Amino acid sequence: MARLGTVSIPQLNATIVKQLSSRKIFTVDDFIAETTESMTKITGLAYKDILAIRKEIVYKHGGKVKNTLQSLDEERESVSTGIPSLDILLNGGLHPGQMYEFCGTSSSGKTSICLAISTNVALNSDFVVHYIDSKRDFSSSRIQMILEERKVSNEEVARVMGQIKLTQIQSLPELFSTLYSLVSAKDDKLRVIIIDSLHSLFHVTTDNYESLYSLNHLWNICKYLADECCLSVITVNAVTQWRENESLPVNGAETSTIIKPMLGRFWRGVPNTRIYVEEMGNDKRKLTICKSHELSIGKNVEIKIVNSGII
């Protein structure tokens, strides 16, 4: 763990290092754990300078040499969600370097889908899933129920639970600290990161520039992890709904409903693929592609939430 005073980065001069030390920020890990907004206030440096320092630290202290052919194989390899219809919808499963988002109303089943994916990936491979829980929605008992319904042995249950790494957070600094720790760890077995859920951590308005900076910061970290570590990032988001025409329907015609993911206009374009989760009744859900550069917009499948997971 390198100390800041020994790091050869021009922006980190003796004065800046002293200011950081007074705030108990002594090492590169301490620097990475702080938010960009916090670092600009402490050091007086410009936002772009802090990002440049972070990039330099990751490059110098988080790098890892990998076999080129191995990297190409990893980039080609998709990870099955264990939900056949969802794999078909996603053209083979979760692809490395991609950001996915499940959005929907409260209790639409977003977390259930994430828990099922986590269980299936860990059960069917030796891959690791890192589950970041911001709302205390993660349920180990639900995962155990899924495994018991499938008649999985106690040894396998223990293995699966060990491959699902849980981090519970309550704030943005904790989220950024967790993500940067994953950058530093460089776990070869890590294939999926799930952030459930983002909307509880942000208060986005048109004039709240701090939240916009944080969203941009989050996008950069997630993109780096997805690209450089050859993994998939899944986020969970809520939606807002309102009627396009507030007047009463004419001649029995229904007014159309506008559905938009939360976190504002900037985040709307961030995920490579966004899937809208819609409750259909009787534990059935419809999954619809509502944003993607590669998949057909409007394509959808139906799933069902059962004791053994999702079918």
C-alpha atoms as a PDB file:
ATOM      1  CA  MET A   1       0.000   0.000   0.000  1.00  0.00           C
ATOM      2  CA  ALA A   2       1.989   3.030  -1.285  1.00  0.00           C
ATOM      3  CA  ARG A   3       2.023   6.268   0.704  1.00  0.00           C
ATOM      4  CA  LEU A   4       1.076   9.420  -1.187  1.00  0.00           C
ATOM      5  CA  GLY A   5       4.419  11.070  -0.419  1.00  0.00           C
ATOM      6  CA  THR A   6       6.229   8.346  -2.370  1.00  0.00           C
ATOM      7  CA  VAL A   7       4.000   8.460  -5.457  1.00  0.00           C
ATOM      8  CA  SER A   8       5.504  10.316  -8.420  1.00  0.00           C
ATOM      9  CA  ILE A   9       2.438  12.210  -9.624  1.00  0.00           C
ATOM     10  CA  PRO A  10       3.046  15.917 -10.416  1.00  0.00           C
ATOM     11  CA  GLN A  11      -0.278  17.138  -8.976  1.00  0.00           C
ATOM     12  CA  LEU A  12       0.502  15.503  -5.622  1.00  0.00           C
ATOM     13  CA  ASN A  13       3.077  18.015  -4.436  1.00  0.00           C
ATOM     14  CA  ALA A  14       4.260  18.371  -0.838  1.00  0.00           C
ATOM     15  CA  THR A  15       1.569  20.937   0.001  1.00  0.00           C
ATOM     16  CA  ILE A  16      -1.267  18.755  -1.294  1.00  0.00           C
ATOM     17  CA  VAL A  17       0.130  15.679   0.477  1.00  0.00           C
ATOM     18  CA  LYS A  18       0.290  17.652   3.738  1.00  0.00           C
ATOM     19  CA  GLN A  19      -3.337  18.783   3.326  1.00  0.00           C
ATOM     20  CA  LEU A  20      -4.403  15.193   2.733  1.00  0.00           C
ATOM     21  CA  SER A  21      -2.415  13.938   5.723  1.00  0.00           C
ATOM     22  CA  SER A  22      -4.215  16.416   7.976  1.00  0.00           C
ATOM     23  CA  ARG A  23      -7.457  14.681   6.948  1.00  0.00           C
ATOM     24  CA  LYS A  24      -5.972  11.225   7.663  1.00  0.00           C
ATOM     25  CA  ILE A  25      -5.527  10.434   3.966  1.00  0.00           C
ATOM     26  CA  PHE A  26      -2.069   8.869   3.851  1.00  0.00           C
ATOM     27  CA  THR A  27      -2.042   6.166   1.144  1.00  0.00           C
ATOM     28  CA  VAL A  28      -3.222   5.626  -2.425  1.00  0.00           C
ATOM     29  CA  ASP A  29      -6.023   3.419  -1.057  1.00  0.00           C
ATOM     30  CA  ASP A  30      -7.146   6.243   1.250  1.00  0.00           C
ATOM     31  CA  PHE A  31      -7.166   8.600  -1.744  1.00  0.00           C
ATOM     32  CA  ILE A  32      -9.216   6.220  -3.898  1.00  0.00           C
ATOM     33  CA  ALA A  33     -11.723   5.600  -1.080  1.00  0.00           C
ATOM     34  CA  GLU A  34     -12.729   9.285  -0.968  1.00  0.00           C
ATOM     35  CA  THR A  35     -15.222  10.734  -3.447  1.00  0.00           C
ATOM     36  CA  THR A  36     -13.991  13.055  -6.165  1.00  0.00           C
ATOM     37  CA  GLU A  37     -16.162  15.843  -4.773  1.00  0.00           C
ATOM     38  CA  SER A  38     -14.639  15.441  -1.313  1.00  0.00           C
ATOM     39  CA  MET A  39     -11.103  15.513  -2.715  1.00  0.00           C
ATOM     40  CA  THR A  40     -11.716  18.742  -4.617  1.00  0.00           C
ATOM     41  CA  LYS A  41     -12.838  20.416  -1.393  1.00  0.00           C
ATOM     42  CA  ILE A  42      -9.875  19.114   0.614  1.00  0.00           C
ATOM     43  CA  THR A  43      -7.144  19.871  -1.932  1.00  0.00           C
ATOM     44  CA  GLY A  44      -8.580  22.796  -3.879  1.00  0.00           C
ATOM     45  CA  LEU A  45      -7.652  20.981  -7.100  1.00  0.00           C
ATOM     46  CA  ALA A  46      -9.935  21.008 -10.124  1.00  0.00           C
ATOM     47  CA  TYR A  47     -12.326  18.123 -10.677  1.00  0.00           C
ATOM     48  CA  LYS A  48     -10.432  17.013 -13.794  1.00  0.00           C
ATOM     49  CA  ASP A  49      -7.132  16.997 -11.873  1.00  0.00           C
ATOM     50  CA  ILE A  50      -8.564  14.674  -9.218  1.00  0.00           C
ATOM     51  CA  LEU A  51      -9.810  12.315 -11.940  1.00  0.00           C
ATOM     52  CA  ALA A  52      -6.366  12.421 -13.577  1.00  0.00           C
ATOM     53  CA  ILE A  53      -4.694  11.520 -10.265  1.00  0.00           C
ATOM     54  CA  ARG A  54      -7.132   8.632  -9.734  1.00  0.00           C
ATOM     55  CA  LYS A  55      -6.442   7.336 -13.226  1.00  0.00           C
ATOM     56  CA  GLU A  56      -2.684   7.529 -12.649  1.00  0.00           C
ATOM     57  CA  ILE A  57      -2.968   5.702  -9.309  1.00  0.00           C
ATOM     58  CA  VAL A  58      -5.054   2.907 -10.836  1.00  0.00           C
ATOM     59  CA  TYR A  59      -2.604   2.632 -13.753  1.00  0.00           C
ATOM     60  CA  LYS A  60       0.504   2.486 -11.557  1.00  0.00           C
ATOM     61  CA  HIS A  61      -0.787   0.589  -8.561  1.00  0.00           C
ATOM     62  CA  GLY A  62      -3.709  -1.472  -9.842  1.00  0.00           C
ATOM     63  CA  GLY A  63      -2.260  -2.818 -13.079  1.00  0.00           C
ATOM     64  CA  LYS A  64      -1.953  -6.479 -13.909  1.00  0.00           C
ATOM     65  CA  VAL A  65      -0.252  -8.291 -16.789  1.00  0.00           C
ATOM     66  CA  LYS A  66      -2.462 -10.873 -18.467  1.00  0.00           C
ATOM     67  CA  ASN A  67      -1.953 -13.295 -21.280  1.00  0.00           C
ATOM     68  CA  THR A  68      -3.364 -11.759 -24.480  1.00  0.00           C
ATOM     69  CA  LEU A  69      -5.059 -14.931 -25.705  1.00  0.00           C
ATOM     70  CA  GLN A  70      -6.588 -15.466 -22.267  1.00  0.00           C
ATOM     71  CA  SER A  71      -7.975 -11.933 -22.308  1.00  0.00           C
ATOM     72  CA  LEU A  72      -9.511 -12.442 -25.745  1.00  0.00           C
ATOM     73  CA  ASP A  73     -11.171 -15.669 -24.593  1.00  0.00           C
ATOM     74  CA  GLU A  74     -12.595 -13.912 -21.538  1.00  0.00           C
ATOM     75  CA  GLU A  75     -13.964 -11.078 -23.657  1.00  0.00           C
ATOM     76  CA  ARG A  76     -15.796 -13.533 -25.890  1.00  0.00           C
ATOM     77  CA  GLU A  77     -17.263 -15.565 -23.041  1.00  0.00           C
ATOM     78  CA  SER A  78     -20.764 -14.656 -21.921  1.00  0.00           C
ATOM     79  CA  VAL A  79     -22.105 -15.723 -18.534  1.00  0.00           C
ATOM     80  CA  SER A  80     -25.481 -17.455 -18.409  1.00  0.00           C
ATOM     81  CA  THR A  81     -28.030 -15.915 -16.041  1.00  0.00           C
ATOM     82  CA  GLY A  82     -29.456 -19.393 -15.458  1.00  0.00           C
ATOM     83  CA  ILE A  83     -32.823 -18.074 -16.654  1.00  0.00           C
ATOM     84  CA  PRO A  84     -33.259 -19.500 -20.198  1.00  0.00           C
ATOM     85  CA  SER A  85     -35.733 -16.890 -21.456  1.00  0.00           C
ATOM     86  CA  LEU A  86     -33.572 -14.036 -20.119  1.00  0.00           C
ATOM     87  CA  ASP A  87     -30.482 -15.511 -21.788  1.00  0.00           C
ATOM     88  CA  ILE A  88     -32.400 -15.591 -25.071  1.00  0.00           C
ATOM     89  CA  LEU A  89     -33.493 -11.973 -24.549  1.00  0.00           C
ATOM     90  CA  LEU A  90     -29.865 -10.948 -23.951  1.00  0.00           C
ATOM     91  CA  ASN A  91     -28.536 -12.896 -26.913  1.00  0.00           C
ATOM     92  CA  GLY A  92     -26.710 -15.516 -24.865  1.00  0.00           C
ATOM     93  CA  GLY A  93     -26.529 -14.085 -21.362  1.00  0.00           C
ATOM     94  CA  LEU A  94     -24.420 -11.419 -19.665  1.00  0.00           C
ATOM     95  CA  HIS A  95     -21.576 -10.225 -21.873  1.00  0.00           C
ATOM     96  CA  PRO A  96     -18.248  -8.911 -20.500  1.00  0.00           C
ATOM     97  CA  GLY A  97     -17.744  -5.174 -20.827  1.00  0.00           C
ATOM     98  CA  GLN A  98     -21.480  -4.476 -20.708  1.00  0.00           C
ATOM     99  CA  MET A  99     -23.620  -2.550 -18.232  1.00  0.00           C
ATOM    100  CA  TYR A 100     -27.169  -3.800 -17.734  1.00  0.00           C
ATOM    101  CA  GLU A 101     -30.014  -2.189 -15.830  1.00  0.00           C
ATOM    102  CA  PHE A 102     -33.264  -3.632 -14.530  1.00  0.00           C
ATOM    103  CA  CYS A 103     -35.808  -0.897 -13.928  1.00  0.00           C
ATOM    104  CA  GLY A 104     -39.383  -1.054 -12.759  1.00  0.00           C
ATOM    105  CA  THR A 105     -41.873   0.019 -10.149  1.00  0.00           C
ATOM    106  CA  SER A 106     -41.649  -0.960  -6.493  1.00  0.00           C
ATOM    107  CA  SER A 107     -42.160  -4.707  -5.892  1.00  0.00           C
ATOM    108  CA  SER A 108     -41.987  -5.480  -9.604  1.00  0.00           C
ATOM    109  CA  GLY A 109     -39.406  -8.213  -8.979  1.00  0.00           C
ATOM    110  CA  LYS A 110     -36.097  -6.489  -9.761  1.00  0.00           C
ATOM    111  CA  THR A 111     -34.333  -7.755  -6.638  1.00  0.00           C
ATOM    112  CA  SER A 112     -35.755 -11.262  -7.107  1.00  0.00           C
ATOM    113  CA  ILE A 113     -34.203 -11.346 -10.574  1.00  0.00           C
ATOM    114  CA  CYS A 114     -30.838 -10.185  -9.199  1.00  0.00           C
ATOM    115  CA  LEU A 115     -30.903 -12.795  -6.428  1.00  0.00           C
ATOM    116  CA  ALA A 116     -31.755 -15.518  -8.957  1.00  0.00           C
ATOM    117  CA  ILE A 117     -28.929 -14.437 -11.276  1.00  0.00           C
ATOM    118  CA  SER A 118     -26.456 -14.378  -8.362  1.00  0.00           C
ATOM    119  CA  THR A 119     -27.506 -17.865  -7.256  1.00  0.00           C
ATOM    120  CA  ASN A 120     -27.426 -19.338 -10.757  1.00  0.00           C
ATOM    121  CA  VAL A 121     -24.022 -17.893 -11.694  1.00  0.00           C
ATOM    122  CA  ALA A 122     -22.420 -19.138  -8.464  1.00  0.00           C
ATOM    123  CA  LEU A 123     -24.129 -22.540  -8.632  1.00  0.00           C
ATOM    124  CA  ASN A 124     -23.299 -23.282 -12.267  1.00  0.00           C
ATOM    125  CA  SER A 125     -19.677 -22.075 -12.278  1.00  0.00           C
ATOM    126  CA  ASP A 126     -16.751 -21.124 -10.086  1.00  0.00           C
ATOM    127  CA  PHE A 127     -17.331 -17.431 -10.834  1.00  0.00           C
ATOM    128  CA  VAL A 128     -17.787 -14.820  -8.125  1.00  0.00           C
ATOM    129  CA  VAL A 129     -20.690 -12.356  -7.951  1.00  0.00           C
ATOM    130  CA  HIS A 130     -20.263  -9.179  -5.895  1.00  0.00           C
ATOM    131  CA  TYR A 131     -23.649  -7.967  -4.666  1.00  0.00           C
ATOM    132  CA  ILE A 132     -23.758  -4.349  -3.449  1.00  0.00           C
ATOM    133  CA  ASP A 133     -26.949  -3.808  -1.433  1.00  0.00           C
ATOM    134  CA  SER A 134     -28.052  -0.257  -0.603  1.00  0.00           C
ATOM    135  CA  LYS A 135     -31.558  -1.016   0.732  1.00  0.00           C
ATOM    136  CA  ARG A 136     -31.040  -4.124   2.870  1.00  0.00           C
ATOM    137  CA  ASP A 137     -33.000  -6.087   0.250  1.00  0.00           C
ATOM    138  CA  PHE A 138     -30.450  -8.889  -0.075  1.00  0.00           C
ATOM    139  CA  SER A 139     -31.878 -12.105   1.396  1.00  0.00           C
ATOM    140  CA  SER A 140     -29.535 -15.015   2.124  1.00  0.00           C
ATOM    141  CA  SER A 141     -32.565 -17.017   3.288  1.00  0.00           C
ATOM    142  CA  ARG A 142     -34.151 -16.553  -0.145  1.00  0.00           C
ATOM    143  CA  ILE A 143     -30.996 -17.879  -1.809  1.00  0.00           C
ATOM    144  CA  GLN A 144     -30.956 -20.829   0.590  1.00  0.00           C
ATOM    145  CA  MET A 145     -34.604 -21.536  -0.238  1.00  0.00           C
ATOM    146  CA  ILE A 146     -33.820 -21.550  -3.966  1.00  0.00           C
ATOM    147  CA  LEU A 147     -30.992 -24.013  -3.434  1.00  0.00           C
ATOM    148  CA  GLU A 148     -33.006 -26.261  -1.122  1.00  0.00           C
ATOM    149  CA  GLU A 149     -35.858 -26.414  -3.654  1.00  0.00           C
ATOM    150  CA  ARG A 150     -33.302 -27.649  -6.183  1.00  0.00           C
ATOM    151  CA  LYS A 151     -32.101 -30.361  -3.769  1.00  0.00           C
ATOM    152  CA  VAL A 152     -28.592 -28.913  -3.577  1.00  0.00           C
ATOM    153  CA  SER A 153     -26.306 -30.510  -0.980  1.00  0.00           C
ATOM    154  CA  ASN A 154     -25.164 -28.609   2.110  1.00  0.00           C
ATOM    155  CA  GLU A 155     -21.619 -28.492   0.725  1.00  0.00           C
ATOM    156  CA  GLU A 156     -22.859 -26.896  -2.494  1.00  0.00           C
ATOM    157  CA  VAL A 157     -24.983 -24.407  -0.544  1.00  0.00           C
ATOM    158  CA  ALA A 158     -21.877 -23.355   1.389  1.00  0.00           C
ATOM    159  CA  ARG A 159     -19.879 -23.037  -1.847  1.00  0.00           C
ATOM    160  CA  VAL A 160     -22.533 -20.918  -3.555  1.00  0.00           C
ATOM    161  CA  MET A 161     -22.915 -18.612  -0.560  1.00  0.00           C
ATOM    162  CA  GLY A 162     -19.135 -18.217  -0.469  1.00  0.00           C
ATOM    163  CA  GLN A 163     -19.048 -17.142  -4.116  1.00  0.00           C
ATOM    164  CA  ILE A 164     -21.661 -14.414  -3.595  1.00  0.00           C
ATOM    165  CA  LYS A 165     -19.793 -11.571  -1.918  1.00  0.00           C
ATOM    166  CA  LEU A 166     -22.146  -9.150  -0.166  1.00  0.00           C
ATOM    167  CA  THR A 167     -21.402  -5.527   0.676  1.00  0.00           C
ATOM    168  CA  GLN A 168     -24.136  -3.489   2.332  1.00  0.00           C
ATOM    169  CA  ILE A 169     -23.849   0.278   1.950  1.00  0.00           C
ATOM    170  CA  GLN A 170     -25.799   3.372   2.932  1.00  0.00           C
ATOM    171  CA  SER A 171     -24.035   6.214   1.125  1.00  0.00           C
ATOM    172  CA  LEU A 172     -22.238   7.185  -2.068  1.00  0.00           C
ATOM    173  CA  PRO A 173     -18.774   7.267  -0.440  1.00  0.00           C
ATOM    174  CA  GLU A 174     -19.313   3.665   0.647  1.00  0.00           C
ATOM    175  CA  LEU A 175     -20.364   2.721  -2.888  1.00  0.00           C
ATOM    176  CA  PHE A 176     -17.306   4.360  -4.448  1.00  0.00           C
ATOM    177  CA  SER A 177     -15.017   2.834  -1.827  1.00  0.00           C
ATOM    178  CA  THR A 178     -16.418  -0.632  -2.574  1.00  0.00           C
ATOM    179  CA  LEU A 179     -16.035  -0.237  -6.329  1.00  0.00           C
ATOM    180  CA  TYR A 180     -12.467   1.061  -6.044  1.00  0.00           C
ATOM    181  CA  SER A 181     -11.600  -1.853  -3.773  1.00  0.00           C
ATOM    182  CA  LEU A 182     -12.776  -4.156  -6.569  1.00  0.00           C
ATOM    183  CA  VAL A 183     -10.535  -2.273  -9.000  1.00  0.00           C
ATOM    184  CA  SER A 184      -7.559  -2.835  -6.696  1.00  0.00           C
ATOM    185  CA  ALA A 185      -8.391  -6.476  -5.917  1.00  0.00           C
ATOM    186  CA  LYS A 186      -8.384  -7.648  -9.555  1.00  0.00           C
ATOM    187  CA  ASP A 187     -10.187 -10.908  -8.740  1.00  0.00           C
ATOM    188  CA  ASP A 188      -9.916 -13.215 -11.775  1.00  0.00           C
ATOM    189  CA  LYS A 189     -13.047 -15.082 -10.675  1.00  0.00           C
ATOM    190  CA  LEU A 190     -15.223 -11.970 -10.441  1.00  0.00           C
ATOM    191  CA  ARG A 191     -17.654 -11.948 -13.370  1.00  0.00           C
ATOM    192  CA  VAL A 192     -20.727 -10.007 -12.236  1.00  0.00           C
ATOM    193  CA  ILE A 193     -21.232  -6.907 -10.084  1.00  0.00           C
ATOM    194  CA  ILE A 194     -24.778  -6.092  -9.000  1.00  0.00           C
ATOM    195  CA  ILE A 195     -25.697  -2.699  -7.519  1.00  0.00           C
ATOM    196  CA  ASP A 196     -29.140  -2.890  -5.905  1.00  0.00           C
ATOM    197  CA  SER A 197     -30.209  -0.206  -6.010  1.00  0.00           C
ATOM    198  CA  LEU A 198     -28.945   3.123  -7.334  1.00  0.00           C
ATOM    199  CA  HIS A 199     -31.967   5.391  -7.005  1.00  0.00           C
ATOM    200  CA  SER A 200     -31.877   5.217  -3.200  1.00  0.00           C
ATOM    201  CA  LEU A 201     -28.404   6.826  -3.165  1.00  0.00           C
ATOM    202  CA  PHE A 202     -29.014   9.823  -5.431  1.00  0.00           C
ATOM    203  CA  HIS A 203     -31.145  12.944  -5.300  1.00  0.00           C
ATOM    204  CA  VAL A 204     -30.962  14.164  -8.869  1.00  0.00           C
ATOM    205  CA  THR A 205     -32.360  17.541  -9.928  1.00  0.00           C
ATOM    206  CA  THR A 206     -31.482  19.784 -12.844  1.00  0.00           C
ATOM    207  CA  ASP A 207     -29.434  22.107 -10.613  1.00  0.00           C
ATOM    208  CA  ASN A 208     -27.859  19.448  -8.364  1.00  0.00           C
ATOM    209  CA  TYR A 209     -24.442  19.402 -10.013  1.00  0.00           C
ATOM    210  CA  GLU A 210     -22.877  17.365  -7.213  1.00  0.00           C
ATOM    211  CA  SER A 211     -25.187  14.441  -8.034  1.00  0.00           C
ATOM    212  CA  LEU A 212     -24.421  14.804 -11.738  1.00  0.00           C
ATOM    213  CA  TYR A 213     -20.689  14.723 -11.016  1.00  0.00           C
ATOM    214  CA  SER A 214     -21.233  11.645  -8.844  1.00  0.00           C
ATOM    215  CA  LEU A 215     -23.208   9.910 -11.596  1.00  0.00           C
ATOM    216  CA  ASN A 216     -20.434  10.662 -14.068  1.00  0.00           C
ATOM    217  CA  HIS A 217     -17.882   9.372 -11.559  1.00  0.00           C
ATOM    218  CA  LEU A 218     -19.927   6.194 -11.065  1.00  0.00           C
ATOM    219  CA  TRP A 219     -20.215   5.655 -14.802  1.00  0.00           C
ATOM    220  CA  ASN A 220     -16.439   5.955 -15.218  1.00  0.00           C
ATOM    221  CA  ILE A 221     -15.729   3.434 -12.445  1.00  0.00           C
ATOM    222  CA  CYS A 222     -18.304   0.921 -13.705  1.00  0.00           C
ATOM    223  CA  LYS A 223     -17.092   1.288 -17.289  1.00  0.00           C
ATOM    224  CA  TYR A 224     -13.496   0.732 -16.170  1.00  0.00           C
ATOM    225  CA  LEU A 225     -14.451  -2.386 -14.218  1.00  0.00           C
ATOM    226  CA  ALA A 226     -16.560  -3.763 -17.068  1.00  0.00           C
ATOM    227  CA  ASP A 227     -13.907  -3.123 -19.740  1.00  0.00           C
ATOM    228  CA  GLU A 228     -10.628  -3.761 -17.932  1.00  0.00           C
ATOM    229  CA  CYS A 229     -11.792  -6.634 -15.710  1.00  0.00           C
ATOM    230  CA  CYS A 230     -13.927  -8.293 -18.419  1.00  0.00           C
ATOM    231  CA  LEU A 231     -17.080  -8.483 -16.330  1.00  0.00           C
ATOM    232  CA  SER A 232     -20.727  -7.436 -16.417  1.00  0.00           C
ATOM    233  CA  VAL A 233     -22.231  -4.733 -14.226  1.00  0.00           C
ATOM    234  CA  ILE A 234     -25.937  -4.883 -13.338  1.00  0.00           C
ATOM    235  CA  THR A 235     -27.719  -1.933 -11.755  1.00  0.00           C
ATOM    236  CA  VAL A 236     -31.236  -1.685 -10.366  1.00  0.00           C
ATOM    237  CA  ASN A 237     -33.261   1.485 -10.878  1.00  0.00           C
ATOM    238  CA  ALA A 238     -36.791   2.673 -10.207  1.00  0.00           C
ATOM    239  CA  VAL A 239     -39.070   4.371 -12.736  1.00  0.00           C
ATOM    240  CA  THR A 240     -41.473   7.268 -12.717  1.00  0.00           C
ATOM    241  CA  GLN A 241     -44.862   6.982 -14.402  1.00  0.00           C
ATOM    242  CA  TRP A 242     -47.419   9.531 -15.479  1.00  0.00           C
ATOM    243  CA  ARG A 243     -50.152   9.810 -18.056  1.00  0.00           C
ATOM    244  CA  GLU A 244     -49.312  11.621 -21.266  1.00  0.00           C
ATOM    245  CA  ASN A 245     -52.759  13.218 -21.248  1.00  0.00           C
ATOM    246  CA  GLU A 246     -54.223  14.003 -17.840  1.00  0.00           C
ATOM    247  CA  SER A 247     -57.718  14.439 -19.295  1.00  0.00           C
ATOM    248  CA  LEU A 248     -60.226  11.614 -19.015  1.00  0.00           C
ATOM    249  CA  PRO A 249     -60.235   8.963 -21.783  1.00  0.00           C
ATOM    250  CA  VAL A 250     -62.520   9.699 -24.701  1.00  0.00           C
ATOM    251  CA  ASN A 251     -64.955   6.987 -25.837  1.00  0.00           C
ATOM    252  CA  GLY A 252     -63.297   4.435 -23.598  1.00  0.00           C
ATOM    253  CA  ALA A 253     -59.826   4.949 -25.089  1.00  0.00           C
ATOM    254  CA  GLU A 254     -56.969   4.627 -22.615  1.00  0.00           C
ATOM    255  CA  THR A 255     -54.429   7.382 -22.181  1.00  0.00           C
ATOM    256  CA  SER A 256     -50.837   6.319 -22.816  1.00  0.00           C
ATOM    257  CA  THR A 257     -48.458   6.079 -19.875  1.00  0.00           C
ATOM    258  CA  ILE A 258     -44.938   7.492 -19.994  1.00  0.00           C
ATOM    259  CA  ILE A 259     -42.364   5.475 -18.079  1.00  0.00           C
ATOM    260  CA  LYS A 260     -38.911   6.915 -17.420  1.00  0.00           C
ATOM    261  CA  PRO A 261     -36.023   5.491 -15.377  1.00  0.00           C
ATOM    262  CA  MET A 262     -34.964   7.623 -12.429  1.00  0.00           C
ATOM    263  CA  LEU A 263     -31.550   9.332 -12.009  1.00  0.00           C
ATOM    264  CA  GLY A 264     -32.203  11.840 -14.757  1.00  0.00           C
ATOM    265  CA  ARG A 265     -31.281  12.421 -18.364  1.00  0.00           C
ATOM    266  CA  PHE A 266     -27.541  11.735 -17.994  1.00  0.00           C
ATOM    267  CA  TRP A 267     -27.968   8.241 -16.549  1.00  0.00           C
ATOM    268  CA  ARG A 268     -30.669   7.391 -19.060  1.00  0.00           C
ATOM    269  CA  GLY A 269     -28.006   6.831 -21.709  1.00  0.00           C
ATOM    270  CA  VAL A 270     -25.405   5.060 -19.544  1.00  0.00           C
ATOM    271  CA  PRO A 271     -26.397   1.347 -19.420  1.00  0.00           C
ATOM    272  CA  ASN A 272     -25.691  -0.576 -22.612  1.00  0.00           C
ATOM    273  CA  THR A 273     -28.943  -2.470 -22.113  1.00  0.00           C
ATOM    274  CA  ARG A 274     -31.942  -1.448 -20.013  1.00  0.00           C
ATOM    275  CA  ILE A 275     -34.705  -3.955 -19.224  1.00  0.00           C
ATOM    276  CA  TYR A 276     -38.104  -2.882 -17.964  1.00  0.00           C
ATOM    277  CA  VAL A 277     -39.627  -5.292 -15.440  1.00  0.00           C
ATOM    278  CA  GLU A 278     -43.415  -5.302 -15.448  1.00  0.00           C
ATOM    279  CA  GLU A 279     -45.671  -7.173 -13.042  1.00  0.00           C
ATOM    280  CA  MET A 280     -48.274  -9.302 -14.855  1.00  0.00           C
ATOM    281  CA  GLY A 281     -49.978 -10.971 -11.876  1.00  0.00           C
ATOM    282  CA  ASN A 282     -49.738 -14.523 -10.495  1.00  0.00           C
ATOM    283  CA  ASP A 283     -45.957 -14.169  -9.955  1.00  0.00           C
ATOM    284  CA  LYS A 284     -45.485 -13.530 -13.673  1.00  0.00           C
ATOM    285  CA  ARG A 285     -43.269 -10.728 -14.960  1.00  0.00           C
ATOM    286  CA  LYS A 286     -42.639  -9.351 -18.435  1.00  0.00           C
ATOM    287  CA  LEU A 287     -39.089  -8.289 -19.292  1.00  0.00           C
ATOM    288  CA  THR A 288     -38.842  -5.797 -22.147  1.00  0.00           C
ATOM    289  CA  ILE A 289     -35.749  -4.338 -23.802  1.00  0.00           C
ATOM    290  CA  CYS A 290     -36.322  -0.582 -23.658  1.00  0.00           C
ATOM    291  CA  LYS A 291     -32.771   0.598 -24.427  1.00  0.00           C
ATOM    292  CA  SER A 292     -29.940  -1.130 -26.273  1.00  0.00           C
ATOM    293  CA  HIS A 293     -27.502  -0.501 -29.120  1.00  0.00           C
ATOM    294  CA  GLU A 294     -27.406  -4.158 -30.144  1.00  0.00           C
ATOM    295  CA  LEU A 295     -30.691  -5.802 -29.117  1.00  0.00           C
ATOM    296  CA  SER A 296     -34.141  -5.189 -30.591  1.00  0.00           C
ATOM    297  CA  ILE A 297     -36.051  -2.487 -28.694  1.00  0.00           C
ATOM    298  CA  GLY A 298     -39.429  -3.791 -27.566  1.00  0.00           C
ATOM    299  CA  LYS A 299     -38.384  -7.447 -27.606  1.00  0.00           C
ATOM    300  CA  ASN A 300     -39.775  -9.145 -24.505  1.00  0.00           C
ATOM    301  CA  VAL A 301     -40.124 -12.422 -22.662  1.00  0.00           C
ATOM    302  CA  GLU A 302     -42.175 -13.614 -19.705  1.00  0.00           C
ATOM    303  CA  ILE A 303     -40.744 -15.165 -16.557  1.00  0.00           C
ATOM    304  CA  LYS A 304     -42.272 -16.539 -13.378  1.00  0.00           C
ATOM    305  CA  ILE A 305     -40.999 -16.160  -9.806  1.00  0.00           C
ATOM    306  CA  VAL A 306     -41.202 -19.498  -8.005  1.00  0.00           C
ATOM    307  CA  ASN A 307     -39.688 -21.058  -4.882  1.00  0.00           C
ATOM    308  CA  SER A 308     -36.811 -22.500  -6.900  1.00  0.00           C
ATOM    309  CA  GLY A 309     -35.922 -19.107  -8.374  1.00  0.00           C
ATOM    310  CA  ILE A 310     -37.140 -17.873 -11.733  1.00  0.00           C
ATOM    311  CA  ILE A 311     -38.374 -19.911 -14.687  1.00  0.00           C
END
